């Protein structure tokens, strides 16, 4: 979520610098490609569509854990890791084009934070599946996945 908000801010700052008109910012919240501005860059499209995939994957992951379906949970962990890597890589490329050094650093930091959530998520899934009756294990997983 933080990555998406920073990308929104970066795009707005870029648009103000270059006097490009933006369509309404609902594209950030929905991450729908058809709502992106016509001048959206490929990395922006990748970062925002992966954000939507990550949110949907997190929901499927929680359902798999609730159902105690370790195979489905493992599949979702792999998908989340792949989507997160794609999003973080695209976000870093976007950050490298931002001329505002502070904003660029924030965007890179958000991408790094997303990458760090993957191992935490995997550990949370393992703990929740190993201890399905432990409310702390379930809560810790939800805390990581819903960040």
N, C-alpha and C. Protein backbone atom coordinates (compact mmCIF):
# COMPACT_ATOMS: atom_id res chain seq x y z
N UNK A 1 0.82 -1.19 0.00
CA UNK A 1 0.00 0.00 0.00
C UNK A 1 0.87 1.26 0.00
N UNK A 2 1.94 1.25 0.80
CA UNK A 2 2.82 2.41 0.87
C UNK A 2 3.48 2.67 -0.48
N UNK A 3 3.88 1.58 -1.18
CA UNK A 3 4.50 1.74 -2.50
C UNK A 3 3.54 2.45 -3.44
N UNK A 4 2.28 2.02 -3.44
CA UNK A 4 1.29 2.61 -4.34
C UNK A 4 1.10 4.09 -4.03
N UNK A 5 1.01 4.44 -2.77
CA UNK A 5 0.83 5.84 -2.39
C UNK A 5 2.04 6.68 -2.80
N UNK A 6 3.24 6.15 -2.62
CA UNK A 6 4.44 6.88 -3.03
C UNK A 6 4.51 7.03 -4.54
N UNK A 7 4.11 5.99 -5.27
CA UNK A 7 4.08 6.10 -6.72
C UNK A 7 3.09 7.16 -7.17
N UNK A 8 1.97 7.22 -6.50
CA UNK A 8 0.96 8.25 -6.81
C UNK A 8 1.58 9.63 -6.61
N UNK A 9 2.25 9.82 -5.49
CA UNK A 9 2.87 11.11 -5.21
C UNK A 9 3.95 11.42 -6.24
N UNK A 10 4.76 10.43 -6.60
CA UNK A 10 5.82 10.64 -7.58
C UNK A 10 5.24 11.02 -8.93
N UNK A 11 4.17 10.36 -9.32
CA UNK A 11 3.55 10.66 -10.61
C UNK A 11 2.99 12.08 -10.60
N UNK A 12 2.36 12.46 -9.50
CA UNK A 12 1.81 13.80 -9.41
C UNK A 12 2.92 14.85 -9.47
N UNK A 13 4.02 14.58 -8.77
CA UNK A 13 5.14 15.51 -8.79
C UNK A 13 5.72 15.61 -10.20
N UNK A 14 5.84 14.47 -10.86
CA UNK A 14 6.35 14.46 -12.23
C UNK A 14 5.41 15.20 -13.17
N UNK A 15 4.12 14.98 -12.99
CA UNK A 15 3.14 15.65 -13.85
C UNK A 15 3.18 17.16 -13.64
N UNK A 16 3.37 17.59 -12.41
CA UNK A 16 3.44 19.01 -12.15
C UNK A 16 4.69 19.61 -12.80
N UNK A 17 5.80 18.87 -12.76
CA UNK A 17 7.03 19.36 -13.37
C UNK A 17 6.90 19.47 -14.87
N UNK A 18 6.22 18.51 -15.48
CA UNK A 18 6.15 18.48 -16.95
C UNK A 18 4.82 18.98 -17.48
N UNK A 19 3.95 19.44 -16.62
CA UNK A 19 2.63 19.96 -16.99
C UNK A 19 1.76 18.93 -17.71
N UNK A 20 1.92 17.67 -17.36
CA UNK A 20 1.06 16.64 -17.93
C UNK A 20 -0.22 16.57 -17.13
N UNK A 21 -1.33 16.39 -17.80
CA UNK A 21 -2.61 16.28 -17.11
C UNK A 21 -2.81 14.83 -16.68
N UNK A 22 -3.23 14.65 -15.43
CA UNK A 22 -3.53 13.32 -14.92
C UNK A 22 -5.03 13.11 -14.88
N UNK A 23 -5.44 11.90 -15.15
CA UNK A 23 -6.83 11.55 -14.93
C UNK A 23 -7.02 11.36 -13.43
N UNK A 24 -8.25 11.22 -12.95
CA UNK A 24 -8.47 11.06 -11.50
C UNK A 24 -7.59 9.96 -10.91
N UNK A 25 -7.20 10.15 -9.67
CA UNK A 25 -6.22 9.25 -9.05
C UNK A 25 -6.81 7.93 -8.58
N UNK A 26 -8.04 7.60 -8.98
CA UNK A 26 -8.60 6.32 -8.58
C UNK A 26 -7.78 5.16 -9.11
N UNK A 27 -6.97 5.37 -10.15
CA UNK A 27 -6.15 4.28 -10.67
C UNK A 27 -5.19 3.75 -9.62
N UNK A 28 -4.78 4.58 -8.70
CA UNK A 28 -3.84 4.12 -7.68
C UNK A 28 -4.51 3.13 -6.74
N UNK A 29 -5.73 3.45 -6.31
CA UNK A 29 -6.41 2.58 -5.37
C UNK A 29 -6.83 1.26 -6.03
N UNK A 30 -7.26 1.30 -7.27
CA UNK A 30 -7.76 0.08 -7.91
C UNK A 30 -6.68 -0.66 -8.69
N UNK A 31 -5.63 0.06 -9.06
CA UNK A 31 -4.53 -0.52 -9.85
C UNK A 31 -5.03 -1.14 -11.15
N UNK A 32 -6.11 -0.59 -11.69
CA UNK A 32 -6.66 -1.10 -12.95
C UNK A 32 -5.95 -0.44 -14.12
N UNK A 33 -5.46 -1.26 -15.03
CA UNK A 33 -4.70 -0.74 -16.16
C UNK A 33 -5.56 0.21 -16.99
N UNK A 34 -6.83 -0.09 -17.17
CA UNK A 34 -7.67 0.76 -18.01
C UNK A 34 -7.93 2.13 -17.39
N UNK A 35 -7.59 2.31 -16.12
CA UNK A 35 -7.78 3.61 -15.49
C UNK A 35 -6.47 4.39 -15.39
N UNK A 36 -5.38 3.81 -15.85
CA UNK A 36 -4.12 4.52 -15.84
C UNK A 36 -4.15 5.63 -16.88
N UNK A 37 -3.41 6.70 -16.64
CA UNK A 37 -3.36 7.76 -17.64
C UNK A 37 -2.76 7.23 -18.94
N UNK A 38 -3.11 7.84 -20.03
CA UNK A 38 -2.62 7.39 -21.34
C UNK A 38 -1.09 7.43 -21.40
N UNK A 39 -0.48 8.31 -20.63
CA UNK A 39 0.98 8.44 -20.67
C UNK A 39 1.69 7.62 -19.59
N UNK A 40 1.00 6.65 -19.02
CA UNK A 40 1.62 5.81 -17.98
C UNK A 40 2.79 5.04 -18.57
N UNK A 41 3.83 4.96 -17.78
CA UNK A 41 5.03 4.24 -18.20
C UNK A 41 4.86 2.75 -17.91
N UNK A 42 5.55 1.89 -18.68
CA UNK A 42 5.43 0.44 -18.45
C UNK A 42 5.72 0.03 -17.00
N UNK A 43 6.71 0.66 -16.38
CA UNK A 43 7.02 0.31 -14.99
C UNK A 43 5.89 0.73 -14.05
N UNK A 44 5.23 1.84 -14.35
CA UNK A 44 4.09 2.25 -13.53
C UNK A 44 2.96 1.23 -13.66
N UNK A 45 2.72 0.79 -14.88
CA UNK A 45 1.68 -0.22 -15.11
C UNK A 45 2.03 -1.50 -14.35
N UNK A 46 3.29 -1.93 -14.45
CA UNK A 46 3.74 -3.14 -13.76
C UNK A 46 3.57 -3.00 -12.25
N UNK A 47 4.04 -1.90 -11.70
CA UNK A 47 3.99 -1.72 -10.24
C UNK A 47 2.54 -1.71 -9.75
N UNK A 48 1.67 -1.03 -10.46
CA UNK A 48 0.29 -0.92 -10.00
C UNK A 48 -0.50 -2.20 -10.21
N UNK A 49 -0.29 -2.88 -11.32
CA UNK A 49 -1.01 -4.15 -11.52
C UNK A 49 -0.51 -5.22 -10.56
N UNK A 50 0.79 -5.20 -10.26
CA UNK A 50 1.31 -6.17 -9.28
C UNK A 50 0.74 -5.86 -7.90
N UNK A 51 0.48 -4.59 -7.59
CA UNK A 51 -0.13 -4.24 -6.30
C UNK A 51 -1.49 -4.91 -6.18
N UNK A 52 -2.27 -4.87 -7.25
CA UNK A 52 -3.58 -5.52 -7.23
C UNK A 52 -3.42 -7.03 -7.07
N UNK A 53 -2.45 -7.61 -7.77
CA UNK A 53 -2.21 -9.06 -7.67
C UNK A 53 -1.76 -9.44 -6.26
N UNK A 54 -0.94 -8.61 -5.65
CA UNK A 54 -0.47 -8.88 -4.30
C UNK A 54 -1.63 -8.86 -3.31
N UNK A 55 -2.50 -7.88 -3.44
CA UNK A 55 -3.66 -7.81 -2.54
C UNK A 55 -4.55 -9.03 -2.70
N UNK A 56 -4.83 -9.41 -3.93
CA UNK A 56 -5.68 -10.58 -4.18
C UNK A 56 -4.98 -11.85 -3.68
N UNK A 57 -3.68 -11.94 -3.91
CA UNK A 57 -2.93 -13.11 -3.45
C UNK A 57 -2.89 -13.22 -1.94
N UNK A 58 -2.78 -12.08 -1.27
CA UNK A 58 -2.78 -12.09 0.20
C UNK A 58 -4.12 -12.62 0.72
N UNK A 59 -5.20 -12.21 0.08
CA UNK A 59 -6.52 -12.73 0.48
C UNK A 59 -6.59 -14.24 0.29
N UNK A 60 -6.12 -14.72 -0.87
CA UNK A 60 -6.15 -16.17 -1.13
C UNK A 60 -5.24 -16.91 -0.15
N UNK A 61 -4.13 -16.30 0.20
CA UNK A 61 -3.21 -16.93 1.16
C UNK A 61 -3.88 -17.09 2.52
N UNK A 62 -4.54 -16.06 2.99
CA UNK A 62 -5.22 -16.16 4.28
C UNK A 62 -6.31 -17.22 4.25
N UNK A 63 -7.03 -17.31 3.15
CA UNK A 63 -8.07 -18.35 3.03
C UNK A 63 -7.44 -19.73 3.07
N UNK A 64 -6.33 -19.90 2.37
CA UNK A 64 -5.65 -21.20 2.37
C UNK A 64 -5.20 -21.58 3.78
N UNK A 65 -4.69 -20.63 4.52
CA UNK A 65 -4.22 -20.91 5.89
C UNK A 65 -5.42 -21.24 6.78
N UNK A 66 -6.49 -20.48 6.65
CA UNK A 66 -7.70 -20.76 7.45
C UNK A 66 -8.21 -22.17 7.17
N UNK A 67 -8.12 -22.59 5.91
CA UNK A 67 -8.57 -23.93 5.52
C UNK A 67 -7.52 -25.00 5.83
N UNK A 68 -6.38 -24.58 6.33
CA UNK A 68 -5.26 -25.48 6.65
C UNK A 68 -4.78 -26.24 5.41
N UNK A 69 -4.82 -25.55 4.28
CA UNK A 69 -4.40 -26.12 3.00
C UNK A 69 -2.97 -25.70 2.72
N UNK A 70 -2.02 -26.51 3.17
CA UNK A 70 -0.61 -26.14 3.06
C UNK A 70 -0.14 -26.06 1.60
N UNK A 71 -0.69 -26.89 0.73
CA UNK A 71 -0.30 -26.84 -0.68
C UNK A 71 -0.73 -25.52 -1.32
N UNK A 72 -1.98 -25.13 -1.09
CA UNK A 72 -2.46 -23.85 -1.63
C UNK A 72 -1.71 -22.68 -1.01
N UNK A 73 -1.40 -22.76 0.27
CA UNK A 73 -0.65 -21.70 0.93
C UNK A 73 0.75 -21.57 0.33
N UNK A 74 1.38 -22.69 0.07
CA UNK A 74 2.71 -22.67 -0.55
C UNK A 74 2.65 -22.05 -1.94
N UNK A 75 1.63 -22.43 -2.72
CA UNK A 75 1.44 -21.84 -4.05
C UNK A 75 1.27 -20.33 -3.95
N UNK A 76 0.46 -19.89 -3.00
CA UNK A 76 0.22 -18.46 -2.84
C UNK A 76 1.48 -17.73 -2.38
N UNK A 77 2.28 -18.36 -1.53
CA UNK A 77 3.55 -17.75 -1.11
C UNK A 77 4.46 -17.55 -2.31
N UNK A 78 4.53 -18.55 -3.19
CA UNK A 78 5.36 -18.42 -4.39
C UNK A 78 4.85 -17.29 -5.28
N UNK A 79 3.53 -17.22 -5.48
CA UNK A 79 2.95 -16.16 -6.31
C UNK A 79 3.20 -14.79 -5.69
N UNK A 80 3.01 -14.68 -4.37
CA UNK A 80 3.25 -13.40 -3.71
C UNK A 80 4.71 -12.99 -3.83
N UNK A 81 5.62 -13.93 -3.68
CA UNK A 81 7.04 -13.61 -3.81
C UNK A 81 7.35 -13.11 -5.22
N UNK A 82 6.80 -13.77 -6.23
CA UNK A 82 7.04 -13.36 -7.61
C UNK A 82 6.43 -11.99 -7.88
N UNK A 83 5.18 -11.78 -7.47
CA UNK A 83 4.52 -10.49 -7.69
C UNK A 83 5.23 -9.37 -6.95
N UNK A 84 5.67 -9.65 -5.73
CA UNK A 84 6.37 -8.64 -4.94
C UNK A 84 7.69 -8.27 -5.59
N UNK A 85 8.42 -9.27 -6.10
CA UNK A 85 9.69 -8.98 -6.78
C UNK A 85 9.45 -8.13 -8.02
N UNK A 86 8.46 -8.48 -8.81
CA UNK A 86 8.16 -7.69 -10.02
C UNK A 86 7.79 -6.25 -9.66
N UNK A 87 6.96 -6.11 -8.62
CA UNK A 87 6.55 -4.77 -8.21
C UNK A 87 7.74 -3.99 -7.67
N UNK A 88 8.53 -4.60 -6.82
CA UNK A 88 9.67 -3.90 -6.22
C UNK A 88 10.69 -3.50 -7.29
N UNK A 89 10.96 -4.39 -8.24
CA UNK A 89 11.90 -4.06 -9.31
C UNK A 89 11.39 -2.89 -10.15
N UNK A 90 10.12 -2.91 -10.51
CA UNK A 90 9.53 -1.81 -11.28
C UNK A 90 9.56 -0.52 -10.48
N UNK A 91 9.28 -0.63 -9.20
CA UNK A 91 9.27 0.55 -8.33
C UNK A 91 10.66 1.15 -8.22
N UNK A 92 11.67 0.31 -8.12
CA UNK A 92 13.04 0.83 -8.06
C UNK A 92 13.43 1.53 -9.36
N UNK A 93 12.99 0.96 -10.49
CA UNK A 93 13.28 1.63 -11.77
C UNK A 93 12.60 2.99 -11.83
N UNK A 94 11.37 3.06 -11.33
CA UNK A 94 10.66 4.34 -11.29
C UNK A 94 11.41 5.31 -10.38
N UNK A 95 11.83 4.83 -9.23
CA UNK A 95 12.55 5.69 -8.27
C UNK A 95 13.80 6.27 -8.90
N UNK A 96 14.45 5.50 -9.74
CA UNK A 96 15.69 5.99 -10.36
C UNK A 96 15.43 7.13 -11.34
N UNK A 97 14.19 7.32 -11.75
CA UNK A 97 13.86 8.40 -12.68
C UNK A 97 13.33 9.65 -11.97
N UNK A 98 13.10 9.55 -10.67
CA UNK A 98 12.55 10.67 -9.91
C UNK A 98 13.68 11.64 -9.58
N UNK A 99 13.49 12.90 -9.94
CA UNK A 99 14.55 13.89 -9.72
C UNK A 99 14.59 14.40 -8.28
N UNK A 100 13.49 14.30 -7.57
CA UNK A 100 13.46 14.71 -6.16
C UNK A 100 14.13 13.61 -5.34
N UNK A 101 15.31 13.91 -4.82
CA UNK A 101 16.11 12.90 -4.12
C UNK A 101 15.39 12.31 -2.91
N UNK A 102 14.68 13.14 -2.17
CA UNK A 102 13.96 12.66 -0.99
C UNK A 102 12.85 11.69 -1.38
N UNK A 103 12.08 12.07 -2.37
CA UNK A 103 11.00 11.21 -2.83
C UNK A 103 11.55 9.92 -3.44
N UNK A 104 12.61 10.03 -4.20
CA UNK A 104 13.24 8.84 -4.78
C UNK A 104 13.67 7.87 -3.69
N UNK A 105 14.28 8.40 -2.64
CA UNK A 105 14.73 7.55 -1.53
C UNK A 105 13.54 6.89 -0.83
N UNK A 106 12.44 7.62 -0.66
CA UNK A 106 11.25 7.05 -0.03
C UNK A 106 10.68 5.92 -0.87
N UNK A 107 10.64 6.11 -2.19
CA UNK A 107 10.10 5.08 -3.07
C UNK A 107 10.99 3.83 -3.03
N UNK A 108 12.31 4.02 -3.07
CA UNK A 108 13.23 2.88 -2.98
C UNK A 108 13.08 2.17 -1.63
N UNK A 109 12.94 2.94 -0.56
CA UNK A 109 12.78 2.35 0.77
C UNK A 109 11.49 1.52 0.85
N UNK A 110 10.41 2.01 0.24
CA UNK A 110 9.15 1.26 0.23
C UNK A 110 9.30 -0.04 -0.56
N UNK A 111 10.03 -0.01 -1.66
CA UNK A 111 10.27 -1.23 -2.45
C UNK A 111 11.07 -2.23 -1.62
N UNK A 112 12.08 -1.74 -0.92
CA UNK A 112 12.88 -2.63 -0.06
C UNK A 112 12.03 -3.23 1.05
N UNK A 113 11.16 -2.42 1.62
CA UNK A 113 10.27 -2.92 2.69
C UNK A 113 9.35 -4.01 2.16
N UNK A 114 8.86 -3.85 0.94
CA UNK A 114 8.00 -4.88 0.33
C UNK A 114 8.77 -6.18 0.19
N UNK A 115 10.00 -6.09 -0.29
CA UNK A 115 10.84 -7.29 -0.43
C UNK A 115 11.03 -8.00 0.91
N UNK A 116 11.22 -7.23 1.96
CA UNK A 116 11.45 -7.83 3.29
C UNK A 116 10.21 -8.52 3.84
N UNK A 117 9.03 -8.18 3.34
CA UNK A 117 7.81 -8.82 3.84
C UNK A 117 7.66 -10.26 3.36
N UNK A 118 8.29 -10.60 2.26
CA UNK A 118 8.13 -11.96 1.71
C UNK A 118 8.62 -13.02 2.70
N UNK A 119 9.86 -12.95 3.20
CA UNK A 119 10.28 -13.98 4.16
C UNK A 119 9.45 -13.97 5.44
N UNK A 120 9.03 -12.77 5.88
CA UNK A 120 8.18 -12.69 7.07
C UNK A 120 6.85 -13.39 6.82
N UNK A 121 6.32 -13.23 5.62
CA UNK A 121 5.05 -13.88 5.28
C UNK A 121 5.21 -15.39 5.27
N UNK A 122 6.28 -15.87 4.66
CA UNK A 122 6.51 -17.32 4.61
C UNK A 122 6.63 -17.89 6.02
N UNK A 123 7.38 -17.22 6.88
CA UNK A 123 7.51 -17.69 8.27
C UNK A 123 6.16 -17.66 8.98
N UNK A 124 5.38 -16.62 8.74
CA UNK A 124 4.05 -16.52 9.35
C UNK A 124 3.14 -17.64 8.89
N UNK A 125 3.20 -17.97 7.60
CA UNK A 125 2.38 -19.06 7.06
C UNK A 125 2.79 -20.38 7.69
N UNK A 126 4.09 -20.63 7.77
CA UNK A 126 4.58 -21.87 8.38
C UNK A 126 4.11 -21.98 9.83
N UNK A 127 4.23 -20.88 10.57
CA UNK A 127 3.81 -20.88 11.97
C UNK A 127 2.32 -21.10 12.12
N UNK A 128 1.53 -20.44 11.27
CA UNK A 128 0.07 -20.57 11.36
C UNK A 128 -0.39 -21.98 10.96
N UNK A 129 0.27 -22.57 9.97
CA UNK A 129 -0.11 -23.92 9.55
C UNK A 129 0.36 -24.96 10.58
N UNK A 130 1.50 -24.72 11.19
CA UNK A 130 2.02 -25.67 12.19
C UNK A 130 1.22 -25.61 13.48
N UNK A 131 0.62 -24.45 13.75
CA UNK A 131 -0.13 -24.25 15.00
C UNK A 131 -1.50 -23.63 14.70
N UNK A 132 -2.38 -24.37 14.04
CA UNK A 132 -3.66 -23.79 13.64
C UNK A 132 -4.55 -23.35 14.80
N UNK A 133 -4.33 -23.93 15.97
CA UNK A 133 -5.15 -23.55 17.13
C UNK A 133 -4.55 -22.39 17.93
N UNK A 134 -3.37 -21.95 17.53
CA UNK A 134 -2.68 -20.87 18.25
C UNK A 134 -3.13 -19.51 17.71
N UNK A 135 -3.92 -18.77 18.48
CA UNK A 135 -4.40 -17.48 17.99
C UNK A 135 -3.27 -16.47 17.76
N UNK A 136 -2.17 -16.58 18.50
CA UNK A 136 -1.04 -15.68 18.28
C UNK A 136 -0.39 -15.91 16.92
N UNK A 137 -0.25 -17.17 16.55
CA UNK A 137 0.34 -17.49 15.24
C UNK A 137 -0.56 -16.97 14.11
N UNK A 138 -1.85 -17.13 14.27
CA UNK A 138 -2.80 -16.65 13.26
C UNK A 138 -2.76 -15.12 13.19
N UNK A 139 -2.70 -14.47 14.33
CA UNK A 139 -2.66 -13.00 14.38
C UNK A 139 -1.38 -12.47 13.75
N UNK A 140 -0.26 -13.12 14.05
CA UNK A 140 1.02 -12.67 13.48
C UNK A 140 1.00 -12.78 11.96
N UNK A 141 0.41 -13.83 11.43
CA UNK A 141 0.30 -13.97 9.99
C UNK A 141 -0.56 -12.85 9.41
N UNK A 142 -1.71 -12.61 10.01
CA UNK A 142 -2.59 -11.54 9.53
C UNK A 142 -1.89 -10.19 9.58
N UNK A 143 -1.12 -9.96 10.64
CA UNK A 143 -0.40 -8.68 10.78
C UNK A 143 0.58 -8.48 9.64
N UNK A 144 1.30 -9.55 9.26
CA UNK A 144 2.28 -9.44 8.18
C UNK A 144 1.58 -9.30 6.85
N UNK A 145 0.60 -10.14 6.59
CA UNK A 145 -0.05 -10.15 5.28
C UNK A 145 -0.86 -8.87 5.04
N UNK A 146 -1.43 -8.33 6.07
CA UNK A 146 -2.28 -7.16 5.90
C UNK A 146 -1.53 -5.84 6.04
N UNK A 147 -0.20 -5.88 6.14
CA UNK A 147 0.60 -4.64 6.22
C UNK A 147 0.42 -3.82 4.98
